[in-house]
Amino acid sequence: MFAPELIAPCGMNCGICKAYLAYSRRVPYKKGEVSHCTGCLVRNKNCAFIKRDCPKKVGRQLRFCYECADMPCKQLAKIDELYRARYGMSMVENQKMMQEKGMDAFLRSQAEKYRCPSCGDVISVHDGKCYACSYKADKPKGSNPKKQWVPNRQVRARRKLA
């Protein structure tokens, strides 16, 4: 389901990105609504979030930010804060898990966290949508309207109750 080639140097799993999911599931491009992306590594690009500001050239000289003694740098900390608030996802935590438990464990955790309860495909971190079956995750009650849903929180809670 997920592959190491889809993990960006910053710790973003491109396999849960709505632009990658739309591209890989052949959802037609629609300006302003549906964008397409093949992922940083596939395009041979430096990290889309860190870009050229990284003095260590993560994605070129280093494969992941966790290989740098300065992790998290201010660029990674900024995007991490944004993703934590909006999507309930942390690139810094992703980095730590990959470093401490390895890529296979990280990919397994991502597959569990972002699995569509309806069809088993992938739910986007950005909009809670499954691009294979159009399942849409509910936003948690009382959530900040500027924040997005946190994937499979409700599904895991229901499993614990069962």
Protein backbone atom coordinates (compact mmCIF):
# COMPACT_ATOMS: atom_id res chain seq x y z
CA MET A 1 0.00 0.00 0.00
CA PHE A 2 2.71 2.49 1.01
CA ALA A 3 6.25 2.47 -0.28
CA PRO A 4 9.49 4.00 1.05
CA GLU A 5 9.76 5.99 -2.21
CA LEU A 6 6.63 7.90 -1.17
CA ILE A 7 8.11 9.15 2.09
CA ALA A 8 9.46 12.64 1.50
CA PRO A 9 12.69 13.78 3.16
CA CYS A 10 10.66 16.01 5.53
CA GLY A 11 8.66 13.00 6.79
CA MET A 12 5.52 13.62 4.77
CA ASN A 13 3.96 10.42 3.48
CA CYS A 14 3.06 11.38 -0.10
CA GLY A 15 0.77 8.34 -0.16
CA ILE A 16 -1.72 10.16 2.09
CA CYS A 17 -1.56 13.50 0.26
CA LYS A 18 -4.74 14.47 -1.58
CA ALA A 19 -2.79 15.63 -4.65
CA TYR A 20 -0.94 12.31 -4.87
CA LEU A 21 -4.12 10.30 -4.24
CA ALA A 22 -6.00 12.23 -6.94
CA TYR A 23 -3.12 11.65 -9.36
CA SER A 24 -2.64 7.96 -8.56
CA ARG A 25 -6.40 7.22 -8.54
CA ARG A 26 -6.84 9.03 -11.86
CA VAL A 27 -9.20 11.68 -10.51
CA PRO A 28 -9.37 14.30 -13.29
CA TYR A 29 -7.40 17.47 -12.65
CA LYS A 30 -9.68 20.46 -12.00
CA LYS A 31 -8.09 23.87 -11.56
CA GLY A 32 -8.62 25.19 -8.04
CA GLU A 33 -10.24 21.96 -6.83
CA VAL A 34 -8.20 18.87 -7.73
CA SER A 35 -4.44 19.07 -8.16
CA HIS A 36 -1.99 16.32 -9.04
CA CYS A 37 1.43 15.43 -7.62
CA THR A 38 3.63 12.38 -8.08
CA GLY A 39 5.67 13.02 -4.91
CA CYS A 40 9.03 14.68 -4.23
CA LEU A 41 11.33 11.72 -4.82
CA VAL A 42 9.61 10.49 -7.96
CA ARG A 43 10.05 13.95 -9.49
CA ASN A 44 13.68 14.04 -8.26
CA LYS A 45 12.88 17.22 -6.34
CA ASN A 46 14.11 18.45 -3.00
CA CYS A 47 11.49 18.41 -0.25
CA ALA A 48 8.44 20.48 -1.23
CA PHE A 49 8.23 21.97 2.27
CA ILE A 50 11.88 22.58 3.12
CA LYS A 51 12.92 23.44 -0.45
CA ARG A 52 16.16 25.28 -1.02
CA ASP A 53 16.38 26.69 2.53
CA CYS A 54 18.05 23.57 3.88
CA PRO A 55 21.83 24.05 4.20
CA LYS A 56 22.30 20.27 4.42
CA LYS A 57 20.27 19.71 1.23
CA VAL A 58 17.93 17.15 2.71
CA GLY A 59 16.71 15.01 -0.14
CA ARG A 60 20.04 15.41 -1.89
CA GLN A 61 22.89 14.93 0.60
CA LEU A 62 20.65 13.48 3.32
CA ARG A 63 17.72 11.14 2.71
CA PHE A 64 15.68 12.27 5.75
CA CYS A 65 15.73 15.23 8.11
CA TYR A 66 16.38 12.90 11.08
CA GLU A 67 19.88 12.30 9.68
CA CYS A 68 20.68 15.94 10.48
CA ALA A 69 21.93 16.96 13.93
CA ASP A 70 19.79 20.13 13.69
CA MET A 71 16.48 18.28 13.30
CA PRO A 72 13.98 19.86 13.59
CA CYS A 73 15.16 23.00 11.83
CA LYS A 74 12.96 26.09 11.81
CA GLN A 75 11.49 25.19 8.40
CA LEU A 76 10.50 21.68 9.52
CA ALA A 77 9.22 22.98 12.87
CA LYS A 78 7.02 25.50 11.07
CA ILE A 79 5.40 23.00 8.71
CA ASP A 80 5.11 20.47 11.54
CA GLU A 81 3.20 22.99 13.67
CA LEU A 82 0.85 23.70 10.77
CA TYR A 83 0.21 20.02 10.05
CA ARG A 84 -0.33 19.20 13.74
CA ALA A 85 -2.95 21.95 14.02
CA ARG A 86 -4.73 21.36 10.72
CA TYR A 87 -4.43 17.64 10.14
CA GLY A 88 -3.39 15.98 13.39
CA MET A 89 -0.18 14.74 11.74
CA SER A 90 3.41 15.45 12.74
CA MET A 91 6.32 15.21 10.35
CA VAL A 92 8.71 15.42 13.30
CA GLU A 93 6.99 12.43 14.94
CA ASN A 94 7.14 10.60 11.61
CA GLN A 95 10.88 11.29 11.49
CA LYS A 96 11.38 10.01 15.04
CA MET A 97 9.41 6.84 14.35
CA MET A 98 11.39 6.10 11.18
CA GLN A 99 14.66 6.67 13.03
CA GLU A 100 13.74 4.64 16.12
CA LYS A 101 11.59 1.82 14.71
CA GLY A 102 12.55 1.70 11.05
CA MET A 103 10.79 2.27 7.76
CA ASP A 104 8.76 -0.97 7.79
CA ALA A 105 7.19 -0.19 11.19
CA PHE A 106 6.47 3.36 10.08
CA LEU A 107 4.78 2.20 6.88
CA ARG A 108 2.67 -0.34 8.79
CA SER A 109 1.50 2.35 11.23
CA GLN A 110 0.61 4.65 8.35
CA ALA A 111 -1.35 1.91 6.59
CA GLU A 112 -3.37 1.28 9.75
CA LYS A 113 -3.95 4.94 10.55
CA TYR A 114 -5.03 5.96 7.03
CA ARG A 115 -6.94 2.84 5.94
CA CYS A 116 -10.43 3.52 4.59
CA PRO A 117 -12.98 1.66 6.76
CA SER A 118 -15.26 1.34 3.75
CA CYS A 119 -13.03 -0.13 1.02
CA GLY A 120 -9.56 -0.57 2.58
CA ASP A 121 -7.84 1.96 0.31
CA VAL A 122 -6.25 5.18 1.65
CA ILE A 123 -7.84 8.20 3.32
CA SER A 124 -6.23 11.56 2.59
CA VAL A 125 -4.65 13.39 5.50
CA HIS A 126 -5.76 16.69 4.00
CA ASP A 127 -9.49 16.22 3.47
CA GLY A 128 -10.45 12.89 5.04
CA LYS A 129 -11.58 11.54 1.69
CA CYS A 130 -10.98 8.14 0.16
CA TYR A 131 -10.31 8.72 -3.54
CA ALA A 132 -11.17 5.11 -4.39
CA CYS A 133 -14.72 4.90 -2.98
CA SER A 134 -15.54 8.54 -2.03
CA TYR A 135 -15.82 7.69 1.70
CA LYS A 136 -15.54 10.87 3.75
CA ALA A 137 -14.49 10.75 7.39
CA ASP A 138 -16.56 12.76 9.86
CA LYS A 139 -14.92 15.71 11.51
CA PRO A 140 -14.73 15.33 15.28
CA LYS A 141 -17.49 17.13 17.21
CA GLY A 142 -16.43 20.46 18.67
CA SER A 143 -13.40 20.69 16.39
CA ASN A 144 -11.95 24.02 15.42
CA PRO A 145 -13.34 24.87 11.94
CA LYS A 146 -9.83 25.87 10.86
CA LYS A 147 -8.54 22.44 11.84
CA GLN A 148 -9.10 19.33 9.83
CA TRP A 149 -10.13 15.86 10.94
CA VAL A 150 -7.72 13.35 12.44
CA PRO A 151 -7.89 10.08 10.47
CA ASN A 152 -9.29 6.92 11.99
CA ARG A 153 -9.55 8.41 15.49
CA GLN A 154 -13.26 7.57 15.50
CA VAL A 155 -12.73 4.13 13.97
CA ARG A 156 -10.09 3.21 16.60
CA ALA A 157 -12.33 4.53 19.40
CA ARG A 158 -15.21 2.36 18.17
CA ARG A 159 -12.94 -0.70 18.05
CA LYS A 160 -11.90 -0.15 21.68
CA LEU A 161 -15.54 -0.01 22.75
CA ALA A 162 -16.41 -3.23 20.91
